[in-house]
Amino acid sequence: MRRRDLGRNLRILVMGWGALAAGVGVSWGASATVPERKAPLRIAVAAMISPEETLSVYQELMDHIAANLGRPVEIKQRRTYQEVNDMLGTGKLDAAILCSGTYVHAKRQYGVELLAVPVIHGSPTYRSYIIVPSSSTAASLEELHRKRFAFTDPLSTSGYLYPVYYLVSRGRQPATFFAKTLFTYSHDNSIEAVAEGVVDGAAVDSLIYDYLQITRPALVARTRIIHRSPLMGAQPVAVPRSLDPVTKQALRELFLGLDLDLTGRGILKKLGVDRFIPGDDSLYDSIRKMLRVVEEAKFR
């Protein structure tokens, strides 16, 4: 794909979000088997990957939730993490799969509750990867000084907070360190921007990068990892404080029990997840520490 094609696709993505922001959702669960009087469960998936990838990856999970809880499921997508947080915090969602940094912000701003945490390759953690084109000679983040760099979202840990924290903690000013920065609003878009040479580097979610190594190997092969962050708490499922206890418990039991039956294990395999566990809010303390450092530096 040429640079102008990528730019066109990114513009199409942004325009597509306009319809979603107007309230368009996608529902699962056959009306013939679910009584109409039951309101749909509204579940959001933060835009860690593009809308098309999100629907492809999560459709089977939403079908499973609808079938097991006896209610249709409406998936909600928004362009930014903050929009998802606002919907979750104000009770316009019943649950959301969040970026870890998004959860930290939503917990602080709205008091949302941790429902479940994914375990991937035996650990409820992930990393931020700093990537460059495979042809690049850069071997560290420092070598991207005065280069073009892609972030994903201002509330993303792996795609924004970590690289900013890394620079700030070393006395650098991110606003002037790079020649140019942009937000792509999904990790697959950032990977594509690097592969196409639109930018010289990007910070991305290790889980998304590893997932695309399997599903889009030709794309990922055109990039290279030059830095890996320390481990951080993985992307959780969260619910608003206002969610009724019965629905909350039903959702918790469903996520925690996915690995106990054949259908659930098939869904987990497609998601690249071993299982879900109750988790602990302290998993996200390292992210809170990074956020404090960045905020005290008055960068945000």
Protein backbone atom coordinates (compact mmCIF):
# COMPACT_ATOMS: atom_id res chain seq x y z
CA MET A 1 0.00 0.00 0.00
CA ARG A 2 1.37 3.42 -0.95
CA ARG A 3 1.56 6.30 1.56
CA ARG A 4 -1.32 8.16 -0.05
CA ASP A 5 -3.44 4.98 0.13
CA LEU A 6 -2.74 4.66 3.85
CA GLY A 7 -3.66 8.30 4.36
CA ARG A 8 -6.88 7.76 2.43
CA ASN A 9 -7.72 4.69 4.51
CA LEU A 10 -7.07 6.57 7.74
CA ARG A 11 -9.40 9.35 6.54
CA ILE A 12 -12.06 6.78 5.71
CA LEU A 13 -11.61 5.30 9.19
CA VAL A 14 -12.13 8.70 10.80
CA MET A 15 -15.25 9.35 8.72
CA GLY A 16 -16.57 5.91 9.58
CA TRP A 17 -16.26 6.72 13.25
CA GLY A 18 -18.66 9.62 12.67
CA ALA A 19 -21.51 7.18 12.16
CA LEU A 20 -20.47 5.19 15.21
CA ALA A 21 -20.22 8.34 17.31
CA ALA A 22 -23.79 9.14 16.32
CA GLY A 23 -24.84 6.06 18.26
CA VAL A 24 -24.67 3.26 15.71
CA GLY A 25 -24.03 -0.13 17.30
CA VAL A 26 -23.91 -3.71 16.13
CA SER A 27 -26.23 -6.19 17.86
CA TRP A 28 -25.86 -9.93 18.27
CA GLY A 29 -28.46 -12.45 19.41
CA ALA A 30 -31.35 -13.70 17.34
CA SER A 31 -34.62 -11.91 18.07
CA ALA A 32 -36.47 -15.22 17.67
CA THR A 33 -34.78 -16.62 20.76
CA VAL A 34 -34.41 -13.47 22.87
CA PRO A 35 -37.60 -11.77 24.14
CA GLU A 36 -37.87 -8.24 22.81
CA ARG A 37 -38.72 -6.89 26.25
CA LYS A 38 -35.15 -7.55 27.38
CA ALA A 39 -32.90 -4.55 26.86
CA PRO A 40 -29.64 -5.31 25.06
CA LEU A 41 -26.36 -5.46 26.91
CA ARG A 42 -24.23 -2.57 25.73
CA ILE A 43 -20.58 -3.56 25.54
CA ALA A 44 -17.73 -1.47 24.18
CA VAL A 45 -14.34 -2.51 22.95
CA ALA A 46 -11.79 0.31 23.15
CA ALA A 47 -10.30 0.96 19.73
CA MET A 48 -7.06 -0.93 20.26
CA ILE A 49 -7.52 -2.24 16.73
CA SER A 50 -9.48 -0.78 13.82
CA PRO A 51 -13.30 -1.20 13.64
CA GLU A 52 -13.12 -3.94 11.02
CA GLU A 53 -10.59 -5.96 13.03
CA THR A 54 -12.56 -5.39 16.24
CA LEU A 55 -15.80 -6.76 14.81
CA SER A 56 -14.00 -9.74 13.30
CA VAL A 57 -12.18 -10.65 16.51
CA TYR A 58 -14.97 -10.07 19.04
CA GLN A 59 -18.12 -11.17 17.21
CA GLU A 60 -18.03 -14.76 18.48
CA LEU A 61 -17.54 -13.58 22.07
CA MET A 62 -20.56 -11.28 21.79
CA ASP A 63 -22.64 -14.12 20.34
CA HIS A 64 -21.62 -16.28 23.29
CA ILE A 65 -22.55 -13.61 25.84
CA ALA A 66 -25.95 -13.12 24.18
CA ALA A 67 -26.69 -16.84 24.14
CA ASN A 68 -25.64 -17.45 27.74
CA LEU A 69 -27.22 -14.39 29.33
CA GLY A 70 -30.42 -14.58 27.30
CA ARG A 71 -30.13 -10.99 26.11
CA PRO A 72 -29.04 -9.44 22.83
CA VAL A 73 -25.65 -7.75 22.89
CA GLU A 74 -24.97 -4.41 21.26
CA ILE A 75 -21.30 -3.65 20.68
CA LYS A 76 -20.40 0.02 20.84
CA GLN A 77 -17.31 1.47 19.27
CA ARG A 78 -15.90 4.95 19.51
CA ARG A 79 -12.93 6.62 17.91
CA THR A 80 -11.18 7.56 21.15
CA TYR A 81 -10.64 5.88 24.50
CA GLN A 82 -12.02 8.91 26.33
CA GLU A 83 -15.37 8.53 24.57
CA VAL A 84 -15.58 4.93 25.76
CA ASN A 85 -14.66 5.99 29.30
CA ASP A 86 -17.34 8.68 29.33
CA MET A 87 -20.00 6.20 28.19
CA LEU A 88 -18.91 3.62 30.75
CA GLY A 89 -18.67 6.11 33.59
CA THR A 90 -22.10 7.62 32.92
CA GLY A 91 -23.93 4.29 32.67
CA LYS A 92 -24.37 4.30 28.89
CA LEU A 93 -22.51 0.99 28.77
CA ASP A 94 -22.92 -2.20 30.75
CA ALA A 95 -19.32 -3.33 30.26
CA ALA A 96 -16.21 -2.51 28.29
CA ILE A 97 -12.95 -4.15 27.30
CA LEU A 98 -10.47 -1.38 27.97
CA CYS A 99 -6.86 -0.54 27.34
CA SER A 100 -5.01 -0.72 30.67
CA GLY A 101 -4.35 3.02 30.72
CA THR A 102 -7.96 3.70 29.83
CA TYR A 103 -9.01 1.64 32.83
CA VAL A 104 -6.70 3.63 35.13
CA HIS A 105 -8.24 6.89 33.91
CA ALA A 106 -11.81 5.52 34.12
CA LYS A 107 -11.20 4.25 37.65
CA ARG A 108 -9.88 7.63 38.75
CA GLN A 109 -12.53 9.67 36.94
CA TYR A 110 -15.63 7.50 37.37
CA GLY A 111 -14.81 4.76 39.87
CA VAL A 112 -15.49 1.95 37.40
CA GLU A 113 -15.04 -1.60 38.70
CA LEU A 114 -12.60 -4.26 37.55
CA LEU A 115 -14.50 -7.35 36.39
CA ALA A 116 -11.91 -9.66 34.81
CA VAL A 117 -8.35 -9.63 33.51
CA PRO A 118 -7.03 -11.72 30.61
CA VAL A 119 -4.14 -14.12 31.07
CA ILE A 120 -1.95 -14.31 27.96
CA HIS A 121 0.89 -16.82 27.69
CA GLY A 122 0.52 -17.53 31.40
CA SER A 123 0.60 -13.93 32.63
CA PRO A 124 -1.99 -11.12 33.08
CA THR A 125 0.48 -8.65 31.59
CA TYR A 126 1.72 -7.16 28.34
CA ARG A 127 4.30 -4.65 27.11
CA SER A 128 4.73 -1.59 24.93
CA TYR A 129 6.85 -2.18 21.84
CA ILE A 130 8.72 0.61 20.09
CA ILE A 131 8.88 -0.37 16.43
CA VAL A 132 10.57 0.99 13.31
CA PRO A 133 10.58 0.01 9.62
CA SER A 134 12.59 -3.15 9.02
CA SER A 135 15.01 -1.11 6.90
CA SER A 136 15.66 1.45 9.67
CA THR A 137 19.09 1.65 11.29
CA ALA A 138 17.62 2.91 14.60
CA ALA A 139 18.36 0.63 17.54
CA SER A 140 16.78 2.59 20.41
CA LEU A 141 14.09 5.14 21.14
CA GLU A 142 16.80 7.76 21.60
CA GLU A 143 17.80 7.29 17.97
CA LEU A 144 14.35 8.45 16.87
CA HIS A 145 15.22 12.02 17.92
CA ARG A 146 13.94 14.49 15.30
CA LYS A 147 12.06 11.69 13.54
CA ARG A 148 8.35 11.18 12.78
CA PHE A 149 6.54 9.15 15.45
CA ALA A 150 3.05 7.64 15.77
CA PHE A 151 1.08 7.38 19.01
CA THR A 152 -2.23 5.53 19.20
CA ASP A 153 -4.45 7.41 21.67
CA PRO A 154 -3.76 9.95 24.45
CA LEU A 155 -5.12 7.48 27.04
CA SER A 156 -3.19 4.48 25.74
CA THR A 157 -0.46 3.11 28.01
CA SER A 158 1.51 1.15 25.43
CA GLY A 159 0.79 3.54 22.57
CA TYR A 160 1.34 6.84 24.38
CA LEU A 161 2.00 6.95 28.13
CA TYR A 162 4.96 4.59 28.19
CA PRO A 163 7.08 6.30 25.49
CA VAL A 164 6.24 9.72 26.96
CA TYR A 165 7.16 8.50 30.45
CA TYR A 166 10.40 7.00 29.11
CA LEU A 167 11.45 10.34 27.63
CA VAL A 168 10.28 12.51 30.54
CA SER A 169 12.07 10.33 33.10
CA ARG A 170 15.28 10.89 31.14
CA GLY A 171 14.92 14.65 31.05
CA ARG A 172 13.55 14.82 27.52
CA GLN A 173 10.58 16.87 26.36
CA PRO A 174 8.39 14.67 24.12
CA ALA A 175 6.82 17.75 22.51
CA THR A 176 10.17 18.73 21.00
CA PHE A 177 11.98 15.38 20.92
CA PHE A 178 10.24 14.20 17.74
CA ALA A 179 10.13 16.16 14.50
CA LYS A 180 6.46 15.29 14.05
CA THR A 181 3.88 13.18 15.89
CA LEU A 182 0.42 11.91 15.01
CA PHE A 183 -2.33 9.81 16.55
CA THR A 184 -3.61 6.81 14.59
CA TYR A 185 -6.30 5.70 17.10
CA SER A 186 -5.53 1.99 16.73
CA HIS A 187 -2.44 -0.17 17.05
CA ASP A 188 -2.84 -1.86 13.69
CA ASN A 189 -2.96 1.57 12.05
CA SER A 190 0.29 2.49 13.82
CA ILE A 191 1.96 -0.72 12.67
CA GLU A 192 0.80 -0.05 9.12
CA ALA A 193 2.07 3.54 9.28
CA VAL A 194 5.52 2.25 10.24
CA ALA A 195 5.50 -0.49 7.61
CA GLU A 196 4.57 2.01 4.90
CA GLY A 197 7.18 4.55 5.98
CA VAL A 198 4.59 7.18 6.87
CA VAL A 199 6.40 7.50 10.21
CA ASP A 200 9.86 6.49 11.41
CA GLY A 201 8.64 4.81 14.57
CA ALA A 202 5.64 4.02 16.75
CA ALA A 203 4.67 2.70 20.17
CA VAL A 204 2.28 -0.25 20.04
CA ASP A 205 0.61 -2.89 22.18
CA SER A 206 2.68 -6.09 22.30
CA LEU A 207 -0.46 -8.26 22.24
CA ILE A 208 -1.76 -6.59 19.08
CA TYR A 209 1.66 -6.78 17.44
CA ASP A 210 2.01 -10.47 18.30
CA TYR A 211 -1.55 -11.14 17.11
CA LEU A 212 -0.86 -9.47 13.76
CA GLN A 213 2.33 -11.48 13.39
CA ILE A 214 0.00 -14.46 13.02
CA THR A 215 -2.88 -12.88 11.10
CA ARG A 216 -0.93 -10.38 8.94
CA PRO A 217 2.66 -11.66 8.89
CA ALA A 218 3.63 -9.83 5.68
CA LEU A 219 2.74 -6.49 7.29
CA VAL A 220 4.58 -7.11 10.56
CA ALA A 221 7.64 -8.44 8.70
CA ARG A 222 8.15 -4.91 7.36
CA THR A 223 8.68 -3.63 10.91
CA ARG A 224 11.17 -4.33 13.68
CA ILE A 225 11.05 -4.05 17.50
CA ILE A 226 13.81 -1.87 18.97
CA HIS A 227 12.55 -1.55 22.56
CA ARG A 228 10.32 -3.50 24.95
CA SER A 229 8.83 -1.93 28.07
CA PRO A 230 8.63 -3.64 31.46
CA LEU A 231 5.53 -5.79 32.00
CA MET A 232 2.25 -3.97 32.76
CA GLY A 233 -1.27 -5.10 33.71
CA ALA A 234 -3.20 -6.40 30.68
CA GLN A 235 -6.36 -4.90 29.21
CA PRO A 236 -9.25 -5.61 31.61
CA VAL A 237 -13.00 -5.96 31.40
CA ALA A 238 -14.63 -3.21 33.47
CA VAL A 239 -18.18 -2.28 34.43
CA PRO A 240 -19.80 0.92 35.73
CA ARG A 241 -20.54 1.27 39.44
CA SER A 242 -24.22 1.61 38.58
CA LEU A 243 -24.53 -1.82 36.92
CA ASP A 244 -27.06 -4.00 38.73
CA PRO A 245 -25.52 -6.79 40.84
CA VAL A 246 -27.26 -9.64 38.98
CA THR A 247 -25.93 -8.59 35.57
CA LYS A 248 -22.50 -7.87 37.03
CA GLN A 249 -22.26 -11.33 38.56
CA ALA A 250 -23.54 -13.01 35.39
CA LEU A 251 -20.91 -11.26 33.28
CA ARG A 252 -18.17 -12.06 35.79
CA GLU A 253 -19.08 -15.74 35.85
CA LEU A 254 -19.22 -15.88 32.06
CA PHE A 255 -15.76 -14.37 31.56
CA LEU A 256 -14.17 -16.38 34.36
CA GLY A 257 -15.71 -19.59 33.01
CA LEU A 258 -14.78 -19.26 29.34
CA ASP A 259 -11.94 -21.76 29.69
CA LEU A 260 -14.22 -24.41 31.23
CA ASP A 261 -16.09 -25.49 28.08
CA LEU A 262 -15.23 -26.26 24.47
CA THR A 263 -17.00 -23.24 22.95
CA GLY A 264 -15.42 -20.86 25.42
CA ARG A 265 -11.95 -22.27 24.84
CA GLY A 266 -12.43 -21.82 21.10
CA ILE A 267 -13.31 -18.17 21.64
CA LEU A 268 -10.31 -17.65 23.91
CA LYS A 269 -8.01 -19.20 21.33
CA LYS A 270 -9.22 -16.75 18.67
CA LEU A 271 -8.69 -13.87 21.11
CA GLY A 272 -5.19 -15.11 21.94
CA VAL A 273 -6.14 -15.41 25.62
CA ASP A 274 -5.52 -18.38 27.96
CA ARG A 275 -8.33 -17.50 30.35
CA PHE A 276 -9.78 -14.65 32.40
CA ILE A 277 -9.11 -14.22 36.12
CA PRO A 278 -10.67 -11.88 38.74
CA GLY A 279 -7.47 -9.85 38.74
CA ASP A 280 -6.36 -7.22 41.20
CA ASP A 281 -6.41 -3.46 40.82
CA SER A 282 -2.78 -3.36 42.00
CA LEU A 283 -1.80 -4.83 38.61
CA TYR A 284 -2.17 -1.27 37.30
CA ASP A 285 -0.10 0.52 39.95
CA SER A 286 2.96 0.73 37.67
CA ILE A 287 0.80 2.56 35.13
CA ARG A 288 -0.40 4.96 37.83
CA LYS A 289 3.23 5.63 38.74
CA MET A 290 4.09 6.47 35.13
CA LEU A 291 1.05 8.72 34.89
CA ARG A 292 2.07 10.64 38.04
CA VAL A 293 5.58 11.21 36.68
CA VAL A 294 4.24 12.52 33.38
CA GLU A 295 1.60 14.72 35.04
CA GLU A 296 4.13 16.16 37.49
CA ALA A 297 6.32 17.05 34.52
CA LYS A 298 3.30 19.04 33.27
CA PHE A 299 3.52 17.38 29.89
CA ARG A 300 -0.07 16.14 29.60
